[in-house]
Amino acid sequence: MQTILGATGQIAVELARELRRGYTGDLRLVSRNPRKVNATDTLAAADLLDARQAAEAVKDSRIVYFTAGLPPDTALWEAQFPVMLKNALEASRAAGAAFVYFDNTYMYPQDARLLTEDAPFEPVGRKGRVRAAMASQVLQEMARGDIPVLIGRAPEFYGPGKTQSITNTLVIDAIKAGRKPRVPVRDDTRRTLIWTPDASRALALLGNTPDAFGQTWHLPCDDDRLTYRQFVALAAEVFGSDSTYKVLRKWVLMAAGLASRQVRELRELLPRYAQDNLFDSTAFKRRFAEFEVTTYRQGLERICSEAGRGTA
């Protein structure tokens, strides 16, 4: 039995597809309101804030994937994320299950240095401090050694379907809707984006590779690292649309945060858009040389194809 905790998000849905396709037909999907991804999935409704429910959700599991998410609400992150993770880790330990933690880069320095798995935790804001504390908690469990543990870390997403990211919202969704794309802060800094199905494929591969446990892995990304200027131009070429766009300067976004809570919750991420974002996944690519990383052109062509079919 392989179990996905937080099974309704984009990464979890793709992960469920990949696990069923390549690794197991015995798959349990856990969330407050779980939905089947594959016909053979087992569903378990559970609130990870409740230790008893978390323990029941992972019972008899061989591998547990923590992909739970929360809305971008700082107070909610501070109150709930650490409890959810603690309960999931304790439940996995009690079940003797391996633990795969899907992580982001909020805790990393928001500057132009090359970010490898050894990069220090230097969070800028409150959400970053939450994610740093959570990653540290997983690393402590890894060092404890009672169960196999690994971390799979990804930078900002872009992807098909209803992928939720700044790049999807401001650039891709705008182009699909015939609107002018908007770019946060600067258009000349290099971005590292991960194609969401690649992140899920990589997570499934890591979880089913015994010697991958006991370390942190940066999930594989296209090393081309386009600037937003280049990304918009490529997207416009693929979609056959106008390549003009608008840059949302930092002061505009800061001012917008006064009126919009959603924008306000994202302000701590703005420094990363003023610098090159160089997320390095060399270690994964060396270990799994056969893994085919989706290029930006391939990803955008898939999104365009799905939009043409009315499924994106």
C-alpha atoms as a PDB file:
ATOM      1  CA  MET A   1       0.000   0.000   0.000  1.00  0.00           C
ATOM      2  CA  GLN A   2       1.271   3.451  -0.980  1.00  0.00           C
ATOM      3  CA  THR A   3      -0.571   6.398   0.536  1.00  0.00           C
ATOM      4  CA  ILE A   4      -0.786  10.043  -0.548  1.00  0.00           C
ATOM      5  CA  LEU A   5      -1.606  12.564   2.170  1.00  0.00           C
ATOM      6  CA  GLY A   6      -3.195  15.716   0.778  1.00  0.00           C
ATOM      7  CA  ALA A   7      -4.381  13.940  -2.325  1.00  0.00           C
ATOM      8  CA  THR A   8      -6.412  16.604  -4.140  1.00  0.00           C
ATOM      9  CA  GLY A   9      -3.688  19.056  -5.182  1.00  0.00           C
ATOM     10  CA  GLN A  10      -2.023  19.231  -8.591  1.00  0.00           C
ATOM     11  CA  ILE A  11       1.145  17.391  -7.552  1.00  0.00           C
ATOM     12  CA  ALA A  12      -0.826  14.695  -5.711  1.00  0.00           C
ATOM     13  CA  VAL A  13      -3.155  14.029  -8.630  1.00  0.00           C
ATOM     14  CA  GLU A  14      -0.247  13.629 -11.052  1.00  0.00           C
ATOM     15  CA  LEU A  15       1.559  11.515  -8.447  1.00  0.00           C
ATOM     16  CA  ALA A  16      -1.436   9.175  -8.147  1.00  0.00           C
ATOM     17  CA  ARG A  17      -1.493   8.733 -11.910  1.00  0.00           C
ATOM     18  CA  GLU A  18       2.230   7.990 -12.036  1.00  0.00           C
ATOM     19  CA  LEU A  19       2.188   5.541  -9.117  1.00  0.00           C
ATOM     20  CA  ARG A  20      -0.700   3.621 -10.687  1.00  0.00           C
ATOM     21  CA  ARG A  21       0.941   3.680 -14.104  1.00  0.00           C
ATOM     22  CA  GLY A  22       4.358   2.471 -13.047  1.00  0.00           C
ATOM     23  CA  TYR A  23       4.517   1.151  -9.499  1.00  0.00           C
ATOM     24  CA  THR A  24       1.389  -0.073  -7.707  1.00  0.00           C
ATOM     25  CA  GLY A  25      -2.303  -0.790  -8.011  1.00  0.00           C
ATOM     26  CA  ASP A  26      -2.666  -0.570  -4.237  1.00  0.00           C
ATOM     27  CA  LEU A  27      -3.003   3.156  -3.699  1.00  0.00           C
ATOM     28  CA  ARG A  28      -4.781   5.086  -0.937  1.00  0.00           C
ATOM     29  CA  LEU A  29      -5.706   8.751  -1.393  1.00  0.00           C
ATOM     30  CA  VAL A  30      -6.182  10.764   1.793  1.00  0.00           C
ATOM     31  CA  SER A  31      -7.675  14.214   2.276  1.00  0.00           C
ATOM     32  CA  ARG A  32     -10.678  15.777   3.939  1.00  0.00           C
ATOM     33  CA  ASN A  33     -12.692  15.180   0.783  1.00  0.00           C
ATOM     34  CA  PRO A  34     -10.746  12.684  -1.338  1.00  0.00           C
ATOM     35  CA  ARG A  35     -11.595  11.931  -4.953  1.00  0.00           C
ATOM     36  CA  LYS A  36     -10.480   9.015  -7.097  1.00  0.00           C
ATOM     37  CA  VAL A  37      -7.795   9.651  -9.695  1.00  0.00           C
ATOM     38  CA  ASN A  38      -7.598   6.032 -10.845  1.00  0.00           C
ATOM     39  CA  ALA A  39     -10.497   3.581 -10.848  1.00  0.00           C
ATOM     40  CA  THR A  40      -8.653   1.281  -8.428  1.00  0.00           C
ATOM     41  CA  ASP A  41      -7.826   3.943  -5.807  1.00  0.00           C
ATOM     42  CA  THR A  42      -8.912   3.504  -2.201  1.00  0.00           C
ATOM     43  CA  LEU A  43     -10.218   6.688  -0.589  1.00  0.00           C
ATOM     44  CA  ALA A  44      -9.798   7.701   3.051  1.00  0.00           C
ATOM     45  CA  ALA A  45     -11.306  10.897   4.467  1.00  0.00           C
ATOM     46  CA  ALA A  46      -9.091  12.304   7.228  1.00  0.00           C
ATOM     47  CA  ASP A  47      -8.114  15.565   8.877  1.00  0.00           C
ATOM     48  CA  LEU A  48      -4.346  15.544   9.413  1.00  0.00           C
ATOM     49  CA  LEU A  49      -4.778  17.974  12.299  1.00  0.00           C
ATOM     50  CA  ASP A  50      -6.223  14.993  14.204  1.00  0.00           C
ATOM     51  CA  ALA A  51      -3.469  12.544  15.232  1.00  0.00           C
ATOM     52  CA  ARG A  52      -5.878   9.625  15.485  1.00  0.00           C
ATOM     53  CA  GLN A  53      -7.254  10.221  11.995  1.00  0.00           C
ATOM     54  CA  ALA A  54      -3.738  10.583  10.594  1.00  0.00           C
ATOM     55  CA  ALA A  55      -2.698   7.282  12.183  1.00  0.00           C
ATOM     56  CA  GLU A  56      -5.724   5.502  10.729  1.00  0.00           C
ATOM     57  CA  ALA A  57      -5.082   7.044   7.305  1.00  0.00           C
ATOM     58  CA  VAL A  58      -1.572   5.587   6.974  1.00  0.00           C
ATOM     59  CA  LYS A  59      -2.249   2.234   8.666  1.00  0.00           C
ATOM     60  CA  ASP A  60      -0.739  -0.688   6.718  1.00  0.00           C
ATOM     61  CA  SER A  61       1.081   1.680   4.337  1.00  0.00           C
ATOM     62  CA  ARG A  62       4.502   0.819   2.941  1.00  0.00           C
ATOM     63  CA  ILE A  63       5.252   4.321   1.604  1.00  0.00           C
ATOM     64  CA  VAL A  64       3.611   7.607   2.645  1.00  0.00           C
ATOM     65  CA  TYR A  65       3.800  10.764   0.495  1.00  0.00           C
ATOM     66  CA  PHE A  66       3.164  14.091   2.226  1.00  0.00           C
ATOM     67  CA  THR A  67       1.869  16.477  -0.434  1.00  0.00           C
ATOM     68  CA  ALA A  68      -0.622  18.387   1.722  1.00  0.00           C
ATOM     69  CA  GLY A  69      -1.153  22.041   0.929  1.00  0.00           C
ATOM     70  CA  LEU A  70      -2.914  25.019   2.452  1.00  0.00           C
ATOM     71  CA  PRO A  71      -4.190  28.315   1.009  1.00  0.00           C
ATOM     72  CA  PRO A  72      -1.569  31.127   1.024  1.00  0.00           C
ATOM     73  CA  ASP A  73      -2.628  32.378   4.450  1.00  0.00           C
ATOM     74  CA  THR A  74       0.291  33.022   6.803  1.00  0.00           C
ATOM     75  CA  ALA A  75      -1.635  32.561  10.039  1.00  0.00           C
ATOM     76  CA  LEU A  76      -3.137  29.322   8.743  1.00  0.00           C
ATOM     77  CA  TRP A  77       0.304  28.022   7.773  1.00  0.00           C
ATOM     78  CA  GLU A  78       1.700  28.821  11.206  1.00  0.00           C
ATOM     79  CA  ALA A  79      -1.206  27.216  13.045  1.00  0.00           C
ATOM     80  CA  GLN A  80      -1.801  24.107  10.949  1.00  0.00           C
ATOM     81  CA  PHE A  81       1.157  23.023   8.808  1.00  0.00           C
ATOM     82  CA  PRO A  82       3.495  22.001  11.689  1.00  0.00           C
ATOM     83  CA  VAL A  83       0.701  20.013  13.372  1.00  0.00           C
ATOM     84  CA  MET A  84      -0.221  18.230  10.141  1.00  0.00           C
ATOM     85  CA  LEU A  85       3.399  17.274   9.507  1.00  0.00           C
ATOM     86  CA  LYS A  86       4.000  16.133  13.087  1.00  0.00           C
ATOM     87  CA  ASN A  87       0.937  13.889  12.978  1.00  0.00           C
ATOM     88  CA  ALA A  88       1.918  12.482   9.586  1.00  0.00           C
ATOM     89  CA  LEU A  89       5.453  11.691  10.720  1.00  0.00           C
ATOM     90  CA  GLU A  90       4.296  10.034  13.939  1.00  0.00           C
ATOM     91  CA  ALA A  91       1.680   8.026  12.064  1.00  0.00           C
ATOM     92  CA  SER A  92       4.239   6.864   9.501  1.00  0.00           C
ATOM     93  CA  ARG A  93       6.668   5.887  12.245  1.00  0.00           C
ATOM     94  CA  ALA A  94       3.962   3.890  14.009  1.00  0.00           C
ATOM     95  CA  ALA A  95       3.095   2.133  10.739  1.00  0.00           C
ATOM     96  CA  GLY A  96       6.749   1.488   9.887  1.00  0.00           C
ATOM     97  CA  ALA A  97       6.213   3.259   6.572  1.00  0.00           C
ATOM     98  CA  ALA A  98       8.793   5.109   4.495  1.00  0.00           C
ATOM     99  CA  PHE A  99       8.094   8.861   4.354  1.00  0.00           C
ATOM    100  CA  VAL A 100       8.414  11.032   1.232  1.00  0.00           C
ATOM    101  CA  TYR A 101       8.096  14.766   1.905  1.00  0.00           C
ATOM    102  CA  PHE A 102       7.262  17.092  -0.985  1.00  0.00           C
ATOM    103  CA  ASP A 103       8.790  20.498  -0.268  1.00  0.00           C
ATOM    104  CA  ASN A 104       9.150  23.943  -1.827  1.00  0.00           C
ATOM    105  CA  THR A 105      11.920  26.561  -1.750  1.00  0.00           C
ATOM    106  CA  TYR A 106      10.384  29.185   0.556  1.00  0.00           C
ATOM    107  CA  MET A 107      13.165  28.671   3.114  1.00  0.00           C
ATOM    108  CA  TYR A 108      16.019  29.303   0.672  1.00  0.00           C
ATOM    109  CA  PRO A 109      17.917  32.588   0.210  1.00  0.00           C
ATOM    110  CA  GLN A 110      16.130  34.851  -2.265  1.00  0.00           C
ATOM    111  CA  ASP A 111      19.219  35.891  -4.158  1.00  0.00           C
ATOM    112  CA  ALA A 112      21.138  34.863  -7.276  1.00  0.00           C
ATOM    113  CA  ARG A 113      23.348  32.150  -5.777  1.00  0.00           C
ATOM    114  CA  LEU A 114      23.188  28.618  -7.205  1.00  0.00           C
ATOM    115  CA  LEU A 115      20.808  26.640  -5.009  1.00  0.00           C
ATOM    116  CA  THR A 116      21.910  23.050  -4.466  1.00  0.00           C
ATOM    117  CA  GLU A 117      20.616  20.597  -1.867  1.00  0.00           C
ATOM    118  CA  ASP A 118      23.209  22.028   0.536  1.00  0.00           C
ATOM    119  CA  ALA A 119      21.862  25.584   0.318  1.00  0.00           C
ATOM    120  CA  PRO A 120      21.291  27.146   3.752  1.00  0.00           C
ATOM    121  CA  PHE A 121      17.865  27.948   5.128  1.00  0.00           C
ATOM    122  CA  GLU A 122      17.561  31.752   5.136  1.00  0.00           C
ATOM    123  CA  PRO A 123      13.816  32.439   5.025  1.00  0.00           C
ATOM    124  CA  VAL A 124      12.699  35.988   4.292  1.00  0.00           C
ATOM    125  CA  GLY A 125       9.145  35.989   5.663  1.00  0.00           C
ATOM    126  CA  ARG A 126       6.792  34.164   7.995  1.00  0.00           C
ATOM    127  CA  LYS A 127       5.713  31.529   5.488  1.00  0.00           C
ATOM    128  CA  GLY A 128       9.363  30.887   4.713  1.00  0.00           C
ATOM    129  CA  ARG A 129      10.068  30.382   8.413  1.00  0.00           C
ATOM    130  CA  VAL A 130       7.198  27.871   8.605  1.00  0.00           C
ATOM    131  CA  ARG A 131       8.606  25.872   5.715  1.00  0.00           C
ATOM    132  CA  ALA A 132      12.135  26.033   7.163  1.00  0.00           C
ATOM    133  CA  ALA A 133      10.866  24.649  10.475  1.00  0.00           C
ATOM    134  CA  MET A 134       8.947  21.897   8.692  1.00  0.00           C
ATOM    135  CA  ALA A 135      11.933  20.874   6.572  1.00  0.00           C
ATOM    136  CA  SER A 136      14.087  20.830   9.704  1.00  0.00           C
ATOM    137  CA  GLN A 137      11.525  18.584  11.380  1.00  0.00           C
ATOM    138  CA  VAL A 138      11.722  16.128   8.475  1.00  0.00           C
ATOM    139  CA  LEU A 139      15.524  16.230   8.561  1.00  0.00           C
ATOM    140  CA  GLN A 140      15.418  15.404  12.273  1.00  0.00           C
ATOM    141  CA  GLU A 141      13.198  12.411  11.519  1.00  0.00           C
ATOM    142  CA  MET A 142      15.649  11.381   8.801  1.00  0.00           C
ATOM    143  CA  ALA A 143      18.541  11.564  11.278  1.00  0.00           C
ATOM    144  CA  ARG A 144      16.530   9.624  13.845  1.00  0.00           C
ATOM    145  CA  GLY A 145      16.593   6.663  11.483  1.00  0.00           C
ATOM    146  CA  ASP A 146      13.494   4.799  12.662  1.00  0.00           C
ATOM    147  CA  ILE A 147      11.927   4.901   9.191  1.00  0.00           C
ATOM    148  CA  PRO A 148      13.279   5.721   5.725  1.00  0.00           C
ATOM    149  CA  VAL A 149      12.764   9.420   4.950  1.00  0.00           C
ATOM    150  CA  LEU A 150      13.516  11.606   1.935  1.00  0.00           C
ATOM    151  CA  ILE A 151      12.743  15.158   0.814  1.00  0.00           C
ATOM    152  CA  GLY A 152      11.840  16.034  -2.769  1.00  0.00           C
ATOM    153  CA  ARG A 153      12.071  19.798  -3.250  1.00  0.00           C
ATOM    154  CA  ALA A 154      10.704  21.793  -6.178  1.00  0.00           C
ATOM    155  CA  PRO A 155      10.929  25.451  -7.271  1.00  0.00           C
ATOM    156  CA  GLU A 156       7.972  27.378  -8.689  1.00  0.00           C
ATOM    157  CA  PHE A 157       5.505  25.379 -10.787  1.00  0.00           C
ATOM    158  CA  TYR A 158       4.183  25.753 -14.259  1.00  0.00           C
ATOM    159  CA  GLY A 159       1.962  23.115 -15.756  1.00  0.00           C
ATOM    160  CA  PRO A 160      -1.216  21.878 -17.412  1.00  0.00           C
ATOM    161  CA  GLY A 161      -4.770  21.906 -16.163  1.00  0.00           C
ATOM    162  CA  LYS A 162      -5.476  24.042 -13.136  1.00  0.00           C
ATOM    163  CA  THR A 163      -1.862  24.397 -11.978  1.00  0.00           C
ATOM    164  CA  GLN A 164      -1.711  27.172  -9.402  1.00  0.00           C
ATOM    165  CA  SER A 165       1.413  29.308  -9.651  1.00  0.00           C
ATOM    166  CA  ILE A 166       2.395  32.888 -10.335  1.00  0.00           C
ATOM    167  CA  THR A 167       3.637  31.963 -13.807  1.00  0.00           C
ATOM    168  CA  ASN A 168       0.442  30.108 -14.705  1.00  0.00           C
ATOM    169  CA  THR A 169      -1.792  32.858 -13.345  1.00  0.00           C
ATOM    170  CA  LEU A 170      -0.007  35.912 -14.747  1.00  0.00           C
ATOM    171  CA  VAL A 171       1.396  34.535 -17.998  1.00  0.00           C
ATOM    172  CA  ILE A 172      -0.062  31.246 -19.234  1.00  0.00           C
ATOM    173  CA  ASP A 173      -3.684  31.707 -18.152  1.00  0.00           C
ATOM    174  CA  ALA A 174      -3.634  35.267 -19.505  1.00  0.00           C
ATOM    175  CA  ILE A 175      -2.423  34.106 -22.922  1.00  0.00           C
ATOM    176  CA  LYS A 176      -5.023  31.326 -22.989  1.00  0.00           C
ATOM    177  CA  ALA A 177      -7.718  33.905 -22.245  1.00  0.00           C
ATOM    178  CA  GLY A 178      -6.478  36.346 -24.897  1.00  0.00           C
ATOM    179  CA  ARG A 179      -5.242  38.873 -22.346  1.00  0.00           C
ATOM    180  CA  LYS A 180      -1.865  40.598 -22.109  1.00  0.00           C
ATOM    181  CA  PRO A 181       0.519  38.598 -19.845  1.00  0.00           C
ATOM    182  CA  ARG A 182       1.925  40.255 -16.752  1.00  0.00           C
ATOM    183  CA  VAL A 183       5.387  39.635 -15.343  1.00  0.00           C
ATOM    184  CA  PRO A 184       6.273  40.158 -11.663  1.00  0.00           C
ATOM    185  CA  VAL A 185       9.033  42.684 -10.792  1.00  0.00           C
ATOM    186  CA  ARG A 186      11.509  42.131 -13.677  1.00  0.00           C
ATOM    187  CA  ASP A 187      11.576  40.486 -17.087  1.00  0.00           C
ATOM    188  CA  ASP A 188      15.342  40.001 -17.396  1.00  0.00           C
ATOM    189  CA  THR A 189      16.136  37.645 -14.494  1.00  0.00           C
ATOM    190  CA  ARG A 190      16.493  33.932 -15.156  1.00  0.00           C
ATOM    191  CA  ARG A 191      13.775  31.698 -13.688  1.00  0.00           C
ATOM    192  CA  THR A 192      13.878  28.019 -12.791  1.00  0.00           C
ATOM    193  CA  LEU A 193      10.422  26.506 -13.196  1.00  0.00           C
ATOM    194  CA  ILE A 194       9.386  22.874 -12.814  1.00  0.00           C
ATOM    195  CA  TRP A 195       6.773  21.183 -15.002  1.00  0.00           C
ATOM    196  CA  THR A 196       4.275  19.756 -12.490  1.00  0.00           C
ATOM    197  CA  PRO A 197       4.008  16.279 -14.072  1.00  0.00           C
ATOM    198  CA  ASP A 198       7.827  16.042 -13.950  1.00  0.00           C
ATOM    199  CA  ALA A 199       7.770  16.849 -10.236  1.00  0.00           C
ATOM    200  CA  SER A 200       5.238  14.079  -9.608  1.00  0.00           C
ATOM    201  CA  ARG A 201       7.043  11.543 -11.811  1.00  0.00           C
ATOM    202  CA  ALA A 202      10.284  12.281  -9.985  1.00  0.00           C
ATOM    203  CA  LEU A 203       8.621  11.987  -6.579  1.00  0.00           C
ATOM    204  CA  ALA A 204       7.166   8.582  -7.499  1.00  0.00           C
ATOM    205  CA  LEU A 205      10.557   7.422  -8.757  1.00  0.00           C
ATOM    206  CA  LEU A 206      12.317   8.545  -5.581  1.00  0.00           C
ATOM    207  CA  GLY A 207       9.720   6.913  -3.342  1.00  0.00           C
ATOM    208  CA  ASN A 208      10.198   3.605  -5.106  1.00  0.00           C
ATOM    209  CA  THR A 209      14.019   3.718  -5.092  1.00  0.00           C
ATOM    210  CA  PRO A 210      15.216   2.348  -1.729  1.00  0.00           C
ATOM    211  CA  ASP A 211      18.682   3.915  -1.878  1.00  0.00           C
ATOM    212  CA  ALA A 212      17.179   7.380  -2.528  1.00  0.00           C
ATOM    213  CA  PHE A 213      16.106   7.672   1.099  1.00  0.00           C
ATOM    214  CA  GLY A 214      18.171   9.448   3.725  1.00  0.00           C
ATOM    215  CA  GLN A 215      18.722  12.632   1.702  1.00  0.00           C
ATOM    216  CA  THR A 216      17.205  15.708   0.096  1.00  0.00           C
ATOM    217  CA  TRP A 217      16.688  15.765  -3.666  1.00  0.00           C
ATOM    218  CA  HIS A 218      16.094  18.743  -5.909  1.00  0.00           C
ATOM    219  CA  LEU A 219      13.459  17.584  -8.397  1.00  0.00           C
ATOM    220  CA  PRO A 220      14.463  17.837 -12.070  1.00  0.00           C
ATOM    221  CA  CYS A 221      13.971  21.037 -14.075  1.00  0.00           C
ATOM    222  CA  ASP A 222      14.866  22.288 -17.534  1.00  0.00           C
ATOM    223  CA  ASP A 223      18.292  23.924 -17.145  1.00  0.00           C
ATOM    224  CA  ASP A 224      17.583  26.435 -19.912  1.00  0.00           C
ATOM    225  CA  ARG A 225      16.354  28.907 -17.208  1.00  0.00           C
ATOM    226  CA  LEU A 226      14.560  31.404 -19.417  1.00  0.00           C
ATOM    227  CA  THR A 227      13.939  34.983 -18.383  1.00  0.00           C
ATOM    228  CA  TYR A 228      10.282  36.011 -18.322  1.00  0.00           C
ATOM    229  CA  ARG A 229      10.966  38.014 -21.482  1.00  0.00           C
ATOM    230  CA  GLN A 230      12.080  34.789 -23.193  1.00  0.00           C
ATOM    231  CA  PHE A 231       9.331  32.697 -21.602  1.00  0.00           C
ATOM    232  CA  VAL A 232       6.567  35.047 -22.791  1.00  0.00           C
ATOM    233  CA  ALA A 233       8.091  35.150 -26.281  1.00  0.00           C
ATOM    234  CA  LEU A 234       8.194  31.337 -26.411  1.00  0.00           C
ATOM    235  CA  ALA A 235       4.637  31.038 -25.100  1.00  0.00           C
ATOM    236  CA  ALA A 236       3.418  33.583 -27.646  1.00  0.00           C
ATOM    237  CA  GLU A 237       5.128  31.615 -30.420  1.00  0.00           C
ATOM    238  CA  VAL A 238       3.546  28.346 -29.279  1.00  0.00           C
ATOM    239  CA  PHE A 239       0.066  29.826 -28.831  1.00  0.00           C
ATOM    240  CA  GLY A 240       0.303  32.068 -31.892  1.00  0.00           C
ATOM    241  CA  SER A 241      -0.470  35.136 -29.808  1.00  0.00           C
ATOM    242  CA  ASP A 242       0.853  38.671 -29.344  1.00  0.00           C
ATOM    243  CA  SER A 243       4.185  38.687 -27.480  1.00  0.00           C
ATOM    244  CA  THR A 244       3.658  42.017 -25.702  1.00  0.00           C
ATOM    245  CA  TYR A 245       3.384  41.976 -21.925  1.00  0.00           C
ATOM    246  CA  LYS A 246       3.402  44.260 -18.893  1.00  0.00           C
ATOM    247  CA  VAL A 247       5.930  44.227 -16.059  1.00  0.00           C
ATOM    248  CA  LEU A 248       4.358  44.655 -12.621  1.00  0.00           C
ATOM    249  CA  ARG A 249       6.997  46.598 -10.710  1.00  0.00           C
ATOM    250  CA  LYS A 250       7.604  45.818  -7.066  1.00  0.00           C
ATOM    251  CA  TRP A 251       6.076  49.080  -5.845  1.00  0.00           C
ATOM    252  CA  VAL A 252       2.888  48.295  -7.792  1.00  0.00           C
ATOM    253  CA  LEU A 253       2.611  44.879  -6.166  1.00  0.00           C
ATOM    254  CA  MET A 254       3.367  46.313  -2.727  1.00  0.00           C
ATOM    255  CA  ALA A 255       0.646  48.919  -3.208  1.00  0.00           C
ATOM    256  CA  ALA A 256      -1.796  46.289  -4.476  1.00  0.00           C
ATOM    257  CA  GLY A 257      -1.175  44.350  -1.279  1.00  0.00           C
ATOM    258  CA  LEU A 258      -2.824  47.151   0.670  1.00  0.00           C
ATOM    259  CA  ALA A 259      -6.133  46.315  -0.967  1.00  0.00           C
ATOM    260  CA  SER A 260      -5.763  42.621  -1.803  1.00  0.00           C
ATOM    261  CA  ARG A 261      -5.070  39.990   0.833  1.00  0.00           C
ATOM    262  CA  GLN A 262      -4.111  37.485  -1.876  1.00  0.00           C
ATOM    263  CA  VAL A 263      -1.418  39.814  -3.217  1.00  0.00           C
ATOM    264  CA  ARG A 264      -0.334  40.713   0.316  1.00  0.00           C
ATOM    265  CA  GLU A 265       0.266  37.036   1.108  1.00  0.00           C
ATOM    266  CA  LEU A 266       2.689  36.783  -1.833  1.00  0.00           C
ATOM    267  CA  ARG A 267       4.782  39.864  -1.061  1.00  0.00           C
ATOM    268  CA  GLU A 268       7.469  37.959   0.836  1.00  0.00           C
ATOM    269  CA  LEU A 269       8.294  36.147  -2.418  1.00  0.00           C
ATOM    270  CA  LEU A 270       8.966  39.316  -4.405  1.00  0.00           C
ATOM    271  CA  PRO A 271      12.742  39.459  -3.752  1.00  0.00           C
ATOM    272  CA  ARG A 272      13.221  36.229  -5.683  1.00  0.00           C
ATOM    273  CA  TYR A 273      11.827  37.875  -8.830  1.00  0.00           C
ATOM    274  CA  ALA A 274      14.389  40.667  -8.632  1.00  0.00           C
ATOM    275  CA  GLN A 275      17.245  38.145  -8.840  1.00  0.00           C
ATOM    276  CA  ASP A 276      18.172  35.166 -10.992  1.00  0.00           C
ATOM    277  CA  ASN A 277      16.573  32.022  -9.553  1.00  0.00           C
ATOM    278  CA  LEU A 278      19.102  29.230 -10.104  1.00  0.00           C
ATOM    279  CA  PHE A 279      17.701  25.994  -8.711  1.00  0.00           C
ATOM    280  CA  ASP A 280      20.109  23.131  -9.415  1.00  0.00           C
ATOM    281  CA  SER A 281      18.905  19.548  -9.940  1.00  0.00           C
ATOM    282  CA  THR A 282      22.185  18.023 -11.117  1.00  0.00           C
ATOM    283  CA  ALA A 283      22.261  15.364  -8.387  1.00  0.00           C
ATOM    284  CA  PHE A 284      18.922  13.909  -9.465  1.00  0.00           C
ATOM    285  CA  LYS A 285      19.859  13.950 -13.151  1.00  0.00           C
ATOM    286  CA  ARG A 286      23.128  12.152 -12.468  1.00  0.00           C
ATOM    287  CA  ARG A 287      21.440   9.482 -10.336  1.00  0.00           C
ATOM    288  CA  PHE A 288      18.498   9.020 -12.715  1.00  0.00           C
ATOM    289  CA  ALA A 289      20.080   9.692 -16.083  1.00  0.00           C
ATOM    290  CA  GLU A 290      17.198   7.997 -17.904  1.00  0.00           C
ATOM    291  CA  PHE A 291      14.643  10.508 -16.583  1.00  0.00           C
ATOM    292  CA  GLU A 292      13.453  12.734 -19.441  1.00  0.00           C
ATOM    293  CA  VAL A 293      12.919  16.325 -18.316  1.00  0.00           C
ATOM    294  CA  THR A 294      10.171  18.238 -20.108  1.00  0.00           C
ATOM    295  CA  THR A 295      11.527  21.310 -21.897  1.00  0.00           C
ATOM    296  CA  TYR A 296       9.711  24.634 -21.677  1.00  0.00           C
ATOM    297  CA  ARG A 297       8.665  24.327 -25.324  1.00  0.00           C
ATOM    298  CA  GLN A 298       7.303  20.816 -24.776  1.00  0.00           C
ATOM    299  CA  GLY A 299       5.396  21.924 -21.680  1.00  0.00           C
ATOM    300  CA  LEU A 300       3.878  24.960 -23.362  1.00  0.00           C
ATOM    301  CA  GLU A 301       2.956  22.896 -26.432  1.00  0.00           C
ATOM    302  CA  ARG A 302       1.097  20.444 -24.211  1.00  0.00           C
ATOM    303  CA  ILE A 303      -0.791  23.267 -22.492  1.00  0.00           C
ATOM    304  CA  CYS A 304      -1.654  24.752 -25.883  1.00  0.00           C
ATOM    305  CA  SER A 305      -2.848  21.365 -27.160  1.00  0.00           C
ATOM    306  CA  GLU A 306      -5.047  20.836 -24.098  1.00  0.00           C
ATOM    307  CA  ALA A 307      -6.477  24.348 -24.399  1.00  0.00           C
ATOM    308  CA  GLY A 308      -7.339  23.578 -28.009  1.00  0.00           C
ATOM    309  CA  ARG A 309      -9.246  20.502 -26.852  1.00  0.00           C
ATOM    310  CA  GLY A 310     -11.008  22.541 -24.160  1.00  0.00           C
ATOM    311  CA  THR A 311      -9.525  20.489 -21.307  1.00  0.00           C
ATOM    312  CA  ALA A 312      -7.016  22.912 -19.812  1.00  0.00           C
END
